[in-house]
Protein backbone atom coordinates (compact mmCIF):
# COMPACT_ATOMS: atom_id res chain seq x y z
CA MET A 1 0.00 0.00 0.00
CA ASP A 2 2.10 2.88 -1.30
CA GLY A 3 5.21 1.54 0.48
CA LYS A 4 3.67 2.14 3.89
CA ARG A 5 2.65 -0.36 6.51
CA GLU A 6 -0.94 -1.50 6.31
CA VAL A 7 -3.33 -0.66 9.12
CA ARG A 8 -5.68 -3.35 10.36
CA TYR A 9 -9.17 -2.21 11.22
CA SER A 10 -12.01 -4.35 12.50
CA LEU A 11 -15.34 -3.45 10.92
CA ARG A 12 -18.85 -4.57 11.86
CA LEU A 13 -21.29 -4.75 8.95
CA PRO A 14 -24.97 -5.59 8.76
CA PRO A 15 -25.34 -9.01 7.10
CA ASP A 16 -27.13 -7.60 4.04
CA VAL A 17 -24.33 -5.09 3.40
CA HIS A 18 -21.72 -7.83 3.78
CA GLU A 19 -23.56 -10.06 1.32
CA ARG A 20 -23.79 -7.26 -1.25
CA LEU A 21 -20.09 -6.45 -0.88
CA VAL A 22 -19.07 -10.10 -1.23
CA GLU A 23 -21.17 -10.44 -4.39
CA LEU A 24 -19.82 -7.20 -5.87
CA ALA A 25 -16.24 -8.26 -5.11
CA ARG A 26 -16.88 -11.63 -6.76
CA ARG A 27 -18.33 -10.00 -9.90
CA GLU A 28 -15.40 -7.57 -10.14
CA GLY A 29 -12.74 -10.21 -9.48
CA ARG A 30 -11.51 -8.74 -6.22
CA SER A 31 -11.18 -10.02 -2.69
CA LEU A 32 -13.56 -8.49 -0.17
CA ASN A 33 -10.70 -6.45 1.28
CA GLN A 34 -9.64 -5.20 -2.17
CA GLN A 35 -13.25 -4.27 -2.92
CA LEU A 36 -13.60 -2.31 0.31
CA VAL A 37 -10.35 -0.41 -0.35
CA HIS A 38 -11.52 0.32 -3.92
CA ILE A 39 -14.88 1.67 -2.72
CA LEU A 40 -13.29 3.74 0.03
CA ARG A 41 -10.78 5.26 -2.40
CA GLN A 42 -13.59 6.15 -4.82
CA GLY A 43 -15.48 7.83 -1.98
CA LEU A 44 -12.40 9.75 -0.88
CA ARG A 45 -11.76 11.00 -4.42
CA ARG A 46 -15.34 12.26 -4.55
CA ALA A 47 -14.98 13.89 -1.15
CA ASP A 48 -11.78 15.58 -2.35
CA ARG A 49 -13.74 17.02 -5.28
CA ARG A 50 -16.61 17.81 -2.91
CA GLU A 51 -19.09 15.84 -4.96
CA PRO A 52 -22.08 15.02 -2.79
CA LEU A 53 -23.28 11.42 -2.95
CA SER A 54 -26.58 10.92 -4.70
CA ARG A 55 -29.41 9.55 -2.57
CA ALA A 56 -29.04 6.17 -4.31
CA GLU A 57 -25.42 6.02 -3.16
CA GLN A 58 -26.11 6.87 0.49
């Protein structure tokens, strides 16, 4: 991860959110962890550009 040490973080998810993330990761050929990092980076890029999330994305 950019030459830096990774940080471990324990995350509690509702079962339905977990199931959706697992399925999305499977479809996109990523591990669940890779998928979460991908989604978080996308969200951070949007936040950097100050793009509000649409209601569908909330």
